[in-house]
Amino acid sequence: MTDVPAQVRVLRARHARLTLLYQVSNVIHSTLEPEPALRLILRGAVRLMRASSGSVVLVNPTTGFLEIHASHGLPPGAEGLKLRLGEGITGWVAQTGQPARVGDVTRDPRYIMVRPRVRSELAVPLELNGEVRGVINVDSDREQAFSAADQALLEELAVQAARVIHHTWLYQQLRLKASLFEALLSVSRTINAALNLDEALQVITREACALMNGKMCSLLMLDAGREWLELRASHGAGAAYLAKPRLSVAESLLGIVVRRLKPLQVENVQTSSRYQHAEVARTEGLISLLSVPLVFQEQALGTLSVYTGQPHSFSNEEIAILSALAALSAVALEKARL
């Protein structure tokens, strides 16, 4: 004889899961902000799986750490937790790209405790363009709390979360490009209207610093003999940097940019053996560096450099932005020479 109440429970659970996926899909297509959709995903997953808490953890491309971007039911302060790839169950999932359904975390050596009452955990990878970019996980105060059906639902929710993040990144890239175009127009107008070259170069360093979220920006020019790089304009530079001696093209790090006519970035100038003025960098609080050449008709005129106040890995978009500003700088320099 068929167990009618059991069938009803199964149908209700299936309906609830489909409803959640439908709601998430609607939110994704109605907003460019990731937080509402990620919060909905977590609330729904925690409720349907009768979990205690949940989180969306993404890989920080600059530091490589796993950082919590959205959470539900975690204790205060837990969102500041950072994990290395391979660290904890979450880190293992991010590193291997495989889901993990652990019925008793006390018996799993990978587990790192965030809440003392947690007994089971379910974590699935969040993939974007074939690459693992994060993890969605839920945990419970009950042992063996999660089923294969729960895992299938969380994997589907991870697909939806990946779409949220993808849309957000696309929007941020478009917004960055729009800002770049506005800055280029502003700099172009300034160059054409400027009464002197120094005024134009000052605008360029200011705009470069703003666009790149930099702590400091500097523009160095080659001297007449093409042996030295001398500071011509800066924005955000302190006394120690302004007093720094000129750089030898043959021996300095920025000289490589001039000689090779290619961008160069350094993760930490305070510890780099190639950077000549690490003490100045420590005094000024400068950490990561991106430098691009000023080029006019395939000949180097100098460098445009941006420094950040925290470790940062510059993206291709950021390199393109600084290179575009460098091209305008080269035009301004050549215009002044003529």
C-alpha atoms as a PDB file:
ATOM      1  CA  MET A   1       0.000   0.000   0.000  1.00  0.00           C
ATOM      2  CA  THR A   2       1.375   3.435  -0.953  1.00  0.00           C
ATOM      3  CA  ASP A   3       2.456   5.778   1.853  1.00  0.00           C
ATOM      4  CA  VAL A   4       0.462   8.857   0.830  1.00  0.00           C
ATOM      5  CA  PRO A   5       1.852  11.210   3.571  1.00  0.00           C
ATOM      6  CA  ALA A   6       5.411  10.327   2.496  1.00  0.00           C
ATOM      7  CA  GLN A   7       4.590  11.108  -1.132  1.00  0.00           C
ATOM      8  CA  VAL A   8       3.091  14.430  -0.058  1.00  0.00           C
ATOM      9  CA  ARG A   9       6.254  15.304   1.873  1.00  0.00           C
ATOM     10  CA  VAL A  10       8.403  14.485  -1.137  1.00  0.00           C
ATOM     11  CA  LEU A  11       6.244  16.613  -3.417  1.00  0.00           C
ATOM     12  CA  ARG A  12       6.271  19.491  -0.951  1.00  0.00           C
ATOM     13  CA  ALA A  13      10.061  19.331  -0.653  1.00  0.00           C
ATOM     14  CA  ARG A  14      10.420  19.263  -4.453  1.00  0.00           C
ATOM     15  CA  HIS A  15       8.041  22.214  -4.772  1.00  0.00           C
ATOM     16  CA  ALA A  16       9.993  24.192  -2.163  1.00  0.00           C
ATOM     17  CA  ARG A  17      13.266  23.554  -3.988  1.00  0.00           C
ATOM     18  CA  LEU A  18      11.846  24.584  -7.357  1.00  0.00           C
ATOM     19  CA  THR A  19      10.324  27.689  -5.775  1.00  0.00           C
ATOM     20  CA  LEU A  20      13.690  28.687  -4.332  1.00  0.00           C
ATOM     21  CA  LEU A  21      15.461  28.212  -7.676  1.00  0.00           C
ATOM     22  CA  TYR A  22      12.749  30.278  -9.381  1.00  0.00           C
ATOM     23  CA  GLN A  23      13.095  33.079  -6.811  1.00  0.00           C
ATOM     24  CA  VAL A  24      16.876  33.119  -7.161  1.00  0.00           C
ATOM     25  CA  SER A  25      16.585  33.279 -10.956  1.00  0.00           C
ATOM     26  CA  ASN A  26      14.201  36.245 -10.702  1.00  0.00           C
ATOM     27  CA  VAL A  27      16.530  38.127  -8.346  1.00  0.00           C
ATOM     28  CA  ILE A  28      19.536  37.497 -10.597  1.00  0.00           C
ATOM     29  CA  HIS A  29      17.749  39.035 -13.577  1.00  0.00           C
ATOM     30  CA  SER A  30      16.340  41.995 -11.661  1.00  0.00           C
ATOM     31  CA  THR A  31      19.491  43.451 -10.051  1.00  0.00           C
ATOM     32  CA  LEU A  32      23.172  44.090 -10.741  1.00  0.00           C
ATOM     33  CA  GLU A  33      24.017  43.882  -7.046  1.00  0.00           C
ATOM     34  CA  PRO A  34      25.140  40.425  -5.853  1.00  0.00           C
ATOM     35  CA  GLU A  35      24.153  40.711  -2.177  1.00  0.00           C
ATOM     36  CA  PRO A  36      20.354  40.191  -2.519  1.00  0.00           C
ATOM     37  CA  ALA A  37      20.740  37.046  -4.613  1.00  0.00           C
ATOM     38  CA  LEU A  38      23.526  35.573  -2.443  1.00  0.00           C
ATOM     39  CA  ARG A  39      21.525  36.231   0.730  1.00  0.00           C
ATOM     40  CA  LEU A  40      18.459  34.591  -0.827  1.00  0.00           C
ATOM     41  CA  ILE A  41      20.520  31.578  -1.859  1.00  0.00           C
ATOM     42  CA  LEU A  42      21.891  31.134   1.648  1.00  0.00           C
ATOM     43  CA  ARG A  43      18.581  31.688   3.462  1.00  0.00           C
ATOM     44  CA  GLY A  44      16.820  29.227   1.175  1.00  0.00           C
ATOM     45  CA  ALA A  45      19.556  26.606   1.428  1.00  0.00           C
ATOM     46  CA  VAL A  46      19.694  26.830   5.224  1.00  0.00           C
ATOM     47  CA  ARG A  47      15.882  26.628   5.508  1.00  0.00           C
ATOM     48  CA  LEU A  48      15.290  23.770   3.059  1.00  0.00           C
ATOM     49  CA  MET A  49      18.192  21.680   4.362  1.00  0.00           C
ATOM     50  CA  ARG A  50      17.350  22.447   8.007  1.00  0.00           C
ATOM     51  CA  ALA A  51      20.915  23.690   8.406  1.00  0.00           C
ATOM     52  CA  SER A  52      22.224  25.972  11.135  1.00  0.00           C
ATOM     53  CA  SER A  53      24.269  28.364   9.003  1.00  0.00           C
ATOM     54  CA  GLY A  54      25.710  28.921   5.555  1.00  0.00           C
ATOM     55  CA  SER A  55      28.239  31.029   3.683  1.00  0.00           C
ATOM     56  CA  VAL A  56      29.481  31.972   0.229  1.00  0.00           C
ATOM     57  CA  VAL A  57      33.270  32.058   0.170  1.00  0.00           C
ATOM     58  CA  LEU A  58      35.217  33.511  -2.771  1.00  0.00           C
ATOM     59  CA  VAL A  59      38.906  33.395  -3.683  1.00  0.00           C
ATOM     60  CA  ASN A  60      40.512  36.815  -3.411  1.00  0.00           C
ATOM     61  CA  PRO A  61      42.513  37.076  -6.682  1.00  0.00           C
ATOM     62  CA  THR A  62      45.030  39.432  -5.075  1.00  0.00           C
ATOM     63  CA  THR A  63      45.856  37.544  -1.863  1.00  0.00           C
ATOM     64  CA  GLY A  64      44.771  34.026  -2.843  1.00  0.00           C
ATOM     65  CA  PHE A  65      42.827  33.685   0.425  1.00  0.00           C
ATOM     66  CA  LEU A  66      39.260  32.415   0.682  1.00  0.00           C
ATOM     67  CA  GLU A  67      37.072  35.180   2.123  1.00  0.00           C
ATOM     68  CA  ILE A  68      33.418  35.145   3.207  1.00  0.00           C
ATOM     69  CA  HIS A  69      31.304  37.391   0.964  1.00  0.00           C
ATOM     70  CA  ALA A  70      27.859  36.441   2.282  1.00  0.00           C
ATOM     71  CA  SER A  71      26.705  34.493   5.323  1.00  0.00           C
ATOM     72  CA  HIS A  72      23.613  33.387   7.214  1.00  0.00           C
ATOM     73  CA  GLY A  73      23.582  32.268  10.839  1.00  0.00           C
ATOM     74  CA  LEU A  74      27.322  32.658  11.499  1.00  0.00           C
ATOM     75  CA  PRO A  75      28.454  34.152  14.833  1.00  0.00           C
ATOM     76  CA  PRO A  76      29.706  37.789  14.991  1.00  0.00           C
ATOM     77  CA  GLY A  77      33.255  38.109  13.731  1.00  0.00           C
ATOM     78  CA  ALA A  78      33.143  34.926  11.651  1.00  0.00           C
ATOM     79  CA  GLU A  79      33.003  36.893   8.396  1.00  0.00           C
ATOM     80  CA  GLY A  80      36.567  38.044   9.006  1.00  0.00           C
ATOM     81  CA  LEU A  81      37.820  34.450   8.705  1.00  0.00           C
ATOM     82  CA  LYS A  82      40.331  33.865   5.902  1.00  0.00           C
ATOM     83  CA  LEU A  83      41.416  30.436   4.677  1.00  0.00           C
ATOM     84  CA  ARG A  84      44.207  29.314   2.372  1.00  0.00           C
ATOM     85  CA  LEU A  85      43.453  26.978  -0.514  1.00  0.00           C
ATOM     86  CA  GLY A  86      43.462  23.468   0.914  1.00  0.00           C
ATOM     87  CA  GLU A  87      42.802  24.678   4.458  1.00  0.00           C
ATOM     88  CA  GLY A  88      39.692  23.266   6.126  1.00  0.00           C
ATOM     89  CA  ILE A  89      36.885  21.443   4.347  1.00  0.00           C
ATOM     90  CA  THR A  90      36.043  24.661   2.477  1.00  0.00           C
ATOM     91  CA  GLY A  91      39.641  25.110   1.345  1.00  0.00           C
ATOM     92  CA  TRP A  92      39.817  21.465   0.251  1.00  0.00           C
ATOM     93  CA  VAL A  93      36.723  21.911  -1.936  1.00  0.00           C
ATOM     94  CA  ALA A  94      38.156  25.107  -3.446  1.00  0.00           C
ATOM     95  CA  GLN A  95      41.473  23.396  -4.173  1.00  0.00           C
ATOM     96  CA  THR A  96      40.126  20.128  -5.592  1.00  0.00           C
ATOM     97  CA  GLY A  97      36.905  21.339  -7.203  1.00  0.00           C
ATOM     98  CA  GLN A  98      35.094  18.392  -5.572  1.00  0.00           C
ATOM     99  CA  PRO A  99      32.041  18.598  -3.249  1.00  0.00           C
ATOM    100  CA  ALA A 100      32.352  17.431   0.357  1.00  0.00           C
ATOM    101  CA  ARG A 101      29.483  15.982   2.413  1.00  0.00           C
ATOM    102  CA  VAL A 102      30.759  15.278   5.929  1.00  0.00           C
ATOM    103  CA  GLY A 103      28.401  13.563   8.354  1.00  0.00           C
ATOM    104  CA  ASP A 104      30.582  14.041  11.435  1.00  0.00           C
ATOM    105  CA  VAL A 105      33.109  16.874  11.306  1.00  0.00           C
ATOM    106  CA  THR A 106      34.752  15.748  14.560  1.00  0.00           C
ATOM    107  CA  ARG A 107      36.084  12.729  12.659  1.00  0.00           C
ATOM    108  CA  ASP A 108      37.368  14.742   9.691  1.00  0.00           C
ATOM    109  CA  PRO A 109      40.938  16.077  10.085  1.00  0.00           C
ATOM    110  CA  ARG A 110      40.272  18.781   7.475  1.00  0.00           C
ATOM    111  CA  TYR A 111      37.632  20.531   9.580  1.00  0.00           C
ATOM    112  CA  ILE A 112      38.367  23.949  11.114  1.00  0.00           C
ATOM    113  CA  MET A 113      35.877  24.961  13.800  1.00  0.00           C
ATOM    114  CA  VAL A 114      33.956  28.219  13.375  1.00  0.00           C
ATOM    115  CA  ARG A 115      31.021  27.309  15.627  1.00  0.00           C
ATOM    116  CA  PRO A 116      31.582  24.783  18.449  1.00  0.00           C
ATOM    117  CA  ARG A 117      28.207  23.043  17.981  1.00  0.00           C
ATOM    118  CA  VAL A 118      28.660  22.136  14.298  1.00  0.00           C
ATOM    119  CA  ARG A 119      28.484  18.398  13.631  1.00  0.00           C
ATOM    120  CA  SER A 120      28.053  18.078   9.854  1.00  0.00           C
ATOM    121  CA  GLU A 121      28.927  20.136   6.798  1.00  0.00           C
ATOM    122  CA  LEU A 122      28.096  20.225   3.109  1.00  0.00           C
ATOM    123  CA  ALA A 123      30.299  22.243   0.744  1.00  0.00           C
ATOM    124  CA  VAL A 124      30.250  22.496  -3.067  1.00  0.00           C
ATOM    125  CA  PRO A 125      32.562  24.372  -5.469  1.00  0.00           C
ATOM    126  CA  LEU A 126      31.490  27.565  -7.174  1.00  0.00           C
ATOM    127  CA  GLU A 127      32.843  27.510 -10.732  1.00  0.00           C
ATOM    128  CA  LEU A 128      33.103  30.351 -13.210  1.00  0.00           C
ATOM    129  CA  ASN A 129      34.256  29.708 -16.779  1.00  0.00           C
ATOM    130  CA  GLY A 130      35.572  26.297 -15.784  1.00  0.00           C
ATOM    131  CA  GLU A 131      37.623  27.643 -12.872  1.00  0.00           C
ATOM    132  CA  VAL A 132      36.816  27.269  -9.165  1.00  0.00           C
ATOM    133  CA  ARG A 133      36.320  30.781  -7.787  1.00  0.00           C
ATOM    134  CA  GLY A 134      34.768  29.935  -4.431  1.00  0.00           C
ATOM    135  CA  VAL A 135      32.658  27.599  -2.304  1.00  0.00           C
ATOM    136  CA  ILE A 136      29.097  27.515  -0.974  1.00  0.00           C
ATOM    137  CA  ASN A 137      28.706  25.624   2.262  1.00  0.00           C
ATOM    138  CA  VAL A 138      26.077  24.884   4.908  1.00  0.00           C
ATOM    139  CA  ASP A 139      26.512  23.221   8.273  1.00  0.00           C
ATOM    140  CA  SER A 140      24.276  21.704  10.917  1.00  0.00           C
ATOM    141  CA  ASP A 141      24.318  20.946  14.621  1.00  0.00           C
ATOM    142  CA  ARG A 142      23.057  17.439  13.778  1.00  0.00           C
ATOM    143  CA  GLU A 143      25.212  14.557  12.593  1.00  0.00           C
ATOM    144  CA  GLN A 144      24.516  13.133   9.110  1.00  0.00           C
ATOM    145  CA  ALA A 145      22.278  16.135   8.438  1.00  0.00           C
ATOM    146  CA  PHE A 146      22.642  16.353   4.664  1.00  0.00           C
ATOM    147  CA  SER A 147      21.440  13.991   1.934  1.00  0.00           C
ATOM    148  CA  ALA A 148      22.390  13.444  -1.683  1.00  0.00           C
ATOM    149  CA  ALA A 149      19.316  15.516  -2.621  1.00  0.00           C
ATOM    150  CA  ASP A 150      20.631  18.377  -0.466  1.00  0.00           C
ATOM    151  CA  GLN A 151      23.959  18.176  -2.273  1.00  0.00           C
ATOM    152  CA  ALA A 152      22.241  18.263  -5.673  1.00  0.00           C
ATOM    153  CA  LEU A 153      20.273  21.362  -4.644  1.00  0.00           C
ATOM    154  CA  LEU A 154      23.358  23.149  -3.305  1.00  0.00           C
ATOM    155  CA  GLU A 155      25.237  22.354  -6.518  1.00  0.00           C
ATOM    156  CA  GLU A 156      22.401  23.926  -8.522  1.00  0.00           C
ATOM    157  CA  LEU A 157      22.441  26.950  -6.225  1.00  0.00           C
ATOM    158  CA  ALA A 158      26.209  27.210  -6.799  1.00  0.00           C
ATOM    159  CA  VAL A 159      25.522  27.476 -10.546  1.00  0.00           C
ATOM    160  CA  GLN A 160      23.079  30.307  -9.822  1.00  0.00           C
ATOM    161  CA  ALA A 161      25.580  32.031  -7.508  1.00  0.00           C
ATOM    162  CA  ALA A 162      28.231  31.822 -10.244  1.00  0.00           C
ATOM    163  CA  ARG A 163      25.848  33.648 -12.570  1.00  0.00           C
ATOM    164  CA  VAL A 164      25.352  36.359  -9.952  1.00  0.00           C
ATOM    165  CA  ILE A 165      29.106  36.869  -9.603  1.00  0.00           C
ATOM    166  CA  HIS A 166      29.670  36.735 -13.371  1.00  0.00           C
ATOM    167  CA  HIS A 167      27.041  39.425 -13.978  1.00  0.00           C
ATOM    168  CA  THR A 168      28.523  41.552 -11.204  1.00  0.00           C
ATOM    169  CA  TRP A 169      32.043  41.320 -12.645  1.00  0.00           C
ATOM    170  CA  LEU A 170      30.772  42.192 -16.126  1.00  0.00           C
ATOM    171  CA  TYR A 171      28.970  45.216 -14.695  1.00  0.00           C
ATOM    172  CA  GLN A 172      32.081  46.318 -12.793  1.00  0.00           C
ATOM    173  CA  GLN A 173      34.205  45.993 -15.934  1.00  0.00           C
ATOM    174  CA  LEU A 174      31.736  48.097 -17.925  1.00  0.00           C
ATOM    175  CA  ARG A 175      31.637  50.701 -15.161  1.00  0.00           C
ATOM    176  CA  LEU A 176      35.453  50.760 -15.078  1.00  0.00           C
ATOM    177  CA  LYS A 177      35.619  51.235 -18.838  1.00  0.00           C
ATOM    178  CA  ALA A 178      33.051  54.044 -18.646  1.00  0.00           C
ATOM    179  CA  SER A 179      35.150  55.738 -15.957  1.00  0.00           C
ATOM    180  CA  LEU A 180      38.222  55.322 -18.142  1.00  0.00           C
ATOM    181  CA  PHE A 181      36.545  56.979 -21.119  1.00  0.00           C
ATOM    182  CA  GLU A 182      35.399  59.869 -18.927  1.00  0.00           C
ATOM    183  CA  ALA A 183      38.910  60.295 -17.529  1.00  0.00           C
ATOM    184  CA  LEU A 184      40.487  60.153 -20.980  1.00  0.00           C
ATOM    185  CA  LEU A 185      38.099  62.837 -22.222  1.00  0.00           C
ATOM    186  CA  SER A 186      38.873  64.982 -19.184  1.00  0.00           C
ATOM    187  CA  VAL A 187      42.625  64.566 -19.629  1.00  0.00           C
ATOM    188  CA  SER A 188      42.399  65.241 -23.365  1.00  0.00           C
ATOM    189  CA  ARG A 189      40.504  68.483 -22.760  1.00  0.00           C
ATOM    190  CA  THR A 190      43.010  69.514 -20.105  1.00  0.00           C
ATOM    191  CA  ILE A 191      45.974  68.816 -22.372  1.00  0.00           C
ATOM    192  CA  ASN A 192      44.436  70.918 -25.124  1.00  0.00           C
ATOM    193  CA  ALA A 193      43.543  73.760 -22.747  1.00  0.00           C
ATOM    194  CA  ALA A 194      46.577  73.643 -20.470  1.00  0.00           C
ATOM    195  CA  LEU A 195      48.809  76.691 -20.475  1.00  0.00           C
ATOM    196  CA  ASN A 196      51.840  74.590 -19.631  1.00  0.00           C
ATOM    197  CA  LEU A 197      52.992  70.976 -19.692  1.00  0.00           C
ATOM    198  CA  ASP A 198      53.347  70.629 -15.916  1.00  0.00           C
ATOM    199  CA  GLU A 199      49.652  71.382 -15.457  1.00  0.00           C
ATOM    200  CA  ALA A 200      48.670  68.670 -17.952  1.00  0.00           C
ATOM    201  CA  LEU A 201      50.983  66.074 -16.418  1.00  0.00           C
ATOM    202  CA  GLN A 202      49.672  66.881 -12.941  1.00  0.00           C
ATOM    203  CA  VAL A 203      46.125  66.152 -14.145  1.00  0.00           C
ATOM    204  CA  ILE A 204      47.263  62.863 -15.657  1.00  0.00           C
ATOM    205  CA  THR A 205      48.859  61.632 -12.419  1.00  0.00           C
ATOM    206  CA  ARG A 206      45.794  62.700 -10.439  1.00  0.00           C
ATOM    207  CA  GLU A 207      43.391  60.889 -12.794  1.00  0.00           C
ATOM    208  CA  ALA A 208      45.597  57.787 -12.887  1.00  0.00           C
ATOM    209  CA  CYS A 209      45.649  57.628  -9.102  1.00  0.00           C
ATOM    210  CA  ALA A 210      41.855  57.968  -8.903  1.00  0.00           C
ATOM    211  CA  LEU A 211      41.090  55.425 -11.622  1.00  0.00           C
ATOM    212  CA  MET A 212      43.484  52.828 -10.233  1.00  0.00           C
ATOM    213  CA  ASN A 213      42.537  53.406  -6.582  1.00  0.00           C
ATOM    214  CA  GLY A 214      46.214  54.077  -5.991  1.00  0.00           C
ATOM    215  CA  LYS A 215      47.955  55.606  -3.038  1.00  0.00           C
ATOM    216  CA  MET A 216      50.434  57.489  -5.210  1.00  0.00           C
ATOM    217  CA  CYS A 217      51.176  58.074  -8.893  1.00  0.00           C
ATOM    218  CA  SER A 218      54.352  59.429 -10.459  1.00  0.00           C
ATOM    219  CA  LEU A 219      55.493  60.377 -13.946  1.00  0.00           C
ATOM    220  CA  LEU A 220      59.202  60.185 -14.711  1.00  0.00           C
ATOM    221  CA  MET A 221      60.853  61.548 -17.842  1.00  0.00           C
ATOM    222  CA  LEU A 222      64.104  60.691 -19.560  1.00  0.00           C
ATOM    223  CA  ASP A 223      66.764  63.377 -19.518  1.00  0.00           C
ATOM    224  CA  ALA A 224      68.341  64.703 -22.724  1.00  0.00           C
ATOM    225  CA  GLY A 225      71.060  62.051 -22.615  1.00  0.00           C
ATOM    226  CA  ARG A 226      68.510  59.233 -22.049  1.00  0.00           C
ATOM    227  CA  GLU A 227      70.543  57.953 -19.119  1.00  0.00           C
ATOM    228  CA  TRP A 228      68.399  59.110 -16.196  1.00  0.00           C
ATOM    229  CA  LEU A 229      64.729  59.094 -15.209  1.00  0.00           C
ATOM    230  CA  GLU A 230      63.684  62.283 -13.402  1.00  0.00           C
ATOM    231  CA  LEU A 231      60.453  63.003 -11.549  1.00  0.00           C
ATOM    232  CA  ARG A 232      58.268  65.375 -13.552  1.00  0.00           C
ATOM    233  CA  ALA A 233      54.814  65.071 -11.921  1.00  0.00           C
ATOM    234  CA  SER A 234      53.188  63.185  -9.030  1.00  0.00           C
ATOM    235  CA  HIS A 235      49.998  62.853  -7.030  1.00  0.00           C
ATOM    236  CA  GLY A 236      49.913  61.628  -3.436  1.00  0.00           C
ATOM    237  CA  ALA A 237      53.710  61.612  -3.029  1.00  0.00           C
ATOM    238  CA  GLY A 238      55.179  62.479   0.352  1.00  0.00           C
ATOM    239  CA  ALA A 239      58.389  64.293   1.201  1.00  0.00           C
ATOM    240  CA  ALA A 240      60.498  61.118   1.193  1.00  0.00           C
ATOM    241  CA  TYR A 241      59.470  60.182  -2.349  1.00  0.00           C
ATOM    242  CA  LEU A 242      59.815  63.731  -3.661  1.00  0.00           C
ATOM    243  CA  ALA A 243      63.358  63.873  -2.286  1.00  0.00           C
ATOM    244  CA  LYS A 244      64.325  60.564  -3.903  1.00  0.00           C
ATOM    245  CA  PRO A 245      67.286  60.868  -6.323  1.00  0.00           C
ATOM    246  CA  ARG A 246      66.857  60.329 -10.052  1.00  0.00           C
ATOM    247  CA  LEU A 247      67.019  56.778 -11.390  1.00  0.00           C
ATOM    248  CA  SER A 248      69.586  55.257 -13.707  1.00  0.00           C
ATOM    249  CA  VAL A 249      67.996  53.778 -16.835  1.00  0.00           C
ATOM    250  CA  ALA A 250      70.678  51.097 -16.979  1.00  0.00           C
ATOM    251  CA  GLU A 251      70.432  49.971 -13.343  1.00  0.00           C
ATOM    252  CA  SER A 252      66.972  50.775 -11.961  1.00  0.00           C
ATOM    253  CA  LEU A 253      63.777  48.728 -11.949  1.00  0.00           C
ATOM    254  CA  LEU A 254      61.855  51.417 -13.835  1.00  0.00           C
ATOM    255  CA  GLY A 255      64.708  51.552 -16.326  1.00  0.00           C
ATOM    256  CA  ILE A 256      63.596  48.068 -17.428  1.00  0.00           C
ATOM    257  CA  VAL A 257      60.212  49.552 -18.395  1.00  0.00           C
ATOM    258  CA  VAL A 258      61.965  52.127 -20.586  1.00  0.00           C
ATOM    259  CA  ARG A 259      64.390  49.657 -22.158  1.00  0.00           C
ATOM    260  CA  ARG A 260      61.798  46.965 -22.929  1.00  0.00           C
ATOM    261  CA  LEU A 261      58.857  49.293 -23.676  1.00  0.00           C
ATOM    262  CA  LYS A 262      56.616  46.966 -21.675  1.00  0.00           C
ATOM    263  CA  PRO A 263      54.559  47.309 -18.447  1.00  0.00           C
ATOM    264  CA  LEU A 264      56.050  45.938 -15.246  1.00  0.00           C
ATOM    265  CA  GLN A 265      54.409  45.174 -11.902  1.00  0.00           C
ATOM    266  CA  VAL A 266      55.882  44.336  -8.502  1.00  0.00           C
ATOM    267  CA  GLU A 267      53.802  42.759  -5.730  1.00  0.00           C
ATOM    268  CA  ASN A 268      55.726  44.431  -2.895  1.00  0.00           C
ATOM    269  CA  VAL A 269      58.351  47.099  -3.512  1.00  0.00           C
ATOM    270  CA  GLN A 270      59.210  47.124   0.199  1.00  0.00           C
ATOM    271  CA  THR A 271      60.680  43.618  -0.038  1.00  0.00           C
ATOM    272  CA  SER A 272      61.725  43.453  -3.706  1.00  0.00           C
ATOM    273  CA  SER A 273      65.495  43.190  -4.213  1.00  0.00           C
ATOM    274  CA  ARG A 274      65.088  44.925  -7.597  1.00  0.00           C
ATOM    275  CA  TYR A 275      63.489  48.079  -6.177  1.00  0.00           C
ATOM    276  CA  GLN A 276      66.223  50.546  -5.253  1.00  0.00           C
ATOM    277  CA  HIS A 277      64.431  52.657  -2.663  1.00  0.00           C
ATOM    278  CA  ALA A 278      62.691  50.171  -0.345  1.00  0.00           C
ATOM    279  CA  GLU A 279      63.208  52.491   2.650  1.00  0.00           C
ATOM    280  CA  VAL A 280      61.339  55.274   0.869  1.00  0.00           C
ATOM    281  CA  ALA A 281      58.538  52.809   0.041  1.00  0.00           C
ATOM    282  CA  ARG A 282      58.267  51.807   3.705  1.00  0.00           C
ATOM    283  CA  THR A 283      58.219  55.437   4.813  1.00  0.00           C
ATOM    284  CA  GLU A 284      55.531  56.328   2.270  1.00  0.00           C
ATOM    285  CA  GLY A 285      53.489  53.149   2.812  1.00  0.00           C
ATOM    286  CA  LEU A 286      53.847  52.016  -0.810  1.00  0.00           C
ATOM    287  CA  ILE A 287      53.447  48.305  -1.546  1.00  0.00           C
ATOM    288  CA  SER A 288      52.409  47.157  -5.041  1.00  0.00           C
ATOM    289  CA  LEU A 289      53.652  48.877  -8.189  1.00  0.00           C
ATOM    290  CA  LEU A 290      52.492  49.020 -11.796  1.00  0.00           C
ATOM    291  CA  SER A 291      54.651  50.998 -14.217  1.00  0.00           C
ATOM    292  CA  VAL A 292      54.034  51.488 -17.953  1.00  0.00           C
ATOM    293  CA  PRO A 293      56.223  53.227 -20.553  1.00  0.00           C
ATOM    294  CA  LEU A 294      55.465  56.590 -22.120  1.00  0.00           C
ATOM    295  CA  VAL A 295      55.949  55.867 -25.819  1.00  0.00           C
ATOM    296  CA  PHE A 296      55.705  58.156 -28.836  1.00  0.00           C
ATOM    297  CA  GLN A 297      56.450  56.769 -32.300  1.00  0.00           C
ATOM    298  CA  GLU A 298      58.050  53.665 -30.770  1.00  0.00           C
ATOM    299  CA  GLN A 299      60.464  55.691 -28.651  1.00  0.00           C
ATOM    300  CA  ALA A 300      60.387  55.825 -24.856  1.00  0.00           C
ATOM    301  CA  LEU A 301      59.944  59.219 -23.201  1.00  0.00           C
ATOM    302  CA  GLY A 302      59.590  58.047 -19.595  1.00  0.00           C
ATOM    303  CA  THR A 303      57.310  56.043 -17.258  1.00  0.00           C
ATOM    304  CA  LEU A 304      53.907  56.408 -15.593  1.00  0.00           C
ATOM    305  CA  SER A 305      53.671  54.490 -12.321  1.00  0.00           C
ATOM    306  CA  VAL A 306      50.935  53.752  -9.771  1.00  0.00           C
ATOM    307  CA  TYR A 307      51.574  52.472  -6.243  1.00  0.00           C
ATOM    308  CA  THR A 308      48.969  50.940  -3.919  1.00  0.00           C
ATOM    309  CA  GLY A 309      48.923  50.977  -0.137  1.00  0.00           C
ATOM    310  CA  GLN A 310      48.077  47.268   0.097  1.00  0.00           C
ATOM    311  CA  PRO A 311      49.143  44.103  -1.768  1.00  0.00           C
ATOM    312  CA  HIS A 312      47.485  44.076  -5.174  1.00  0.00           C
ATOM    313  CA  SER A 313      47.744  42.098  -8.408  1.00  0.00           C
ATOM    314  CA  PHE A 314      46.955  44.391 -11.332  1.00  0.00           C
ATOM    315  CA  SER A 315      44.499  43.008 -13.884  1.00  0.00           C
ATOM    316  CA  ASN A 316      44.751  43.274 -17.671  1.00  0.00           C
ATOM    317  CA  GLU A 317      42.038  45.958 -17.545  1.00  0.00           C
ATOM    318  CA  GLU A 318      44.065  48.037 -15.093  1.00  0.00           C
ATOM    319  CA  ILE A 319      47.204  47.698 -17.207  1.00  0.00           C
ATOM    320  CA  ALA A 320      45.181  48.849 -20.245  1.00  0.00           C
ATOM    321  CA  ILE A 321      43.858  51.869 -18.295  1.00  0.00           C
ATOM    322  CA  LEU A 322      47.303  53.032 -17.200  1.00  0.00           C
ATOM    323  CA  SER A 323      48.703  52.395 -20.677  1.00  0.00           C
ATOM    324  CA  ALA A 324      45.963  54.582 -22.203  1.00  0.00           C
ATOM    325  CA  LEU A 325      46.807  57.407 -19.800  1.00  0.00           C
ATOM    326  CA  ALA A 326      50.493  56.925 -20.573  1.00  0.00           C
ATOM    327  CA  ALA A 327      49.744  57.311 -24.280  1.00  0.00           C
ATOM    328  CA  LEU A 328      48.024  60.632 -23.570  1.00  0.00           C
ATOM    329  CA  SER A 329      50.996  61.698 -21.481  1.00  0.00           C
ATOM    330  CA  ALA A 330      53.326  60.937 -24.367  1.00  0.00           C
ATOM    331  CA  VAL A 331      51.152  63.038 -26.680  1.00  0.00           C
ATOM    332  CA  ALA A 332      51.256  65.914 -24.187  1.00  0.00           C
ATOM    333  CA  LEU A 333      55.026  65.666 -23.906  1.00  0.00           C
ATOM    334  CA  GLU A 334      55.496  65.638 -27.673  1.00  0.00           C
ATOM    335  CA  LYS A 335      53.073  68.514 -28.094  1.00  0.00           C
ATOM    336  CA  ALA A 336      55.073  70.557 -25.586  1.00  0.00           C
ATOM    337  CA  ARG A 337      58.339  69.699 -27.344  1.00  0.00           C
ATOM    338  CA  LEU A 338      56.947  70.872 -30.672  1.00  0.00           C
END
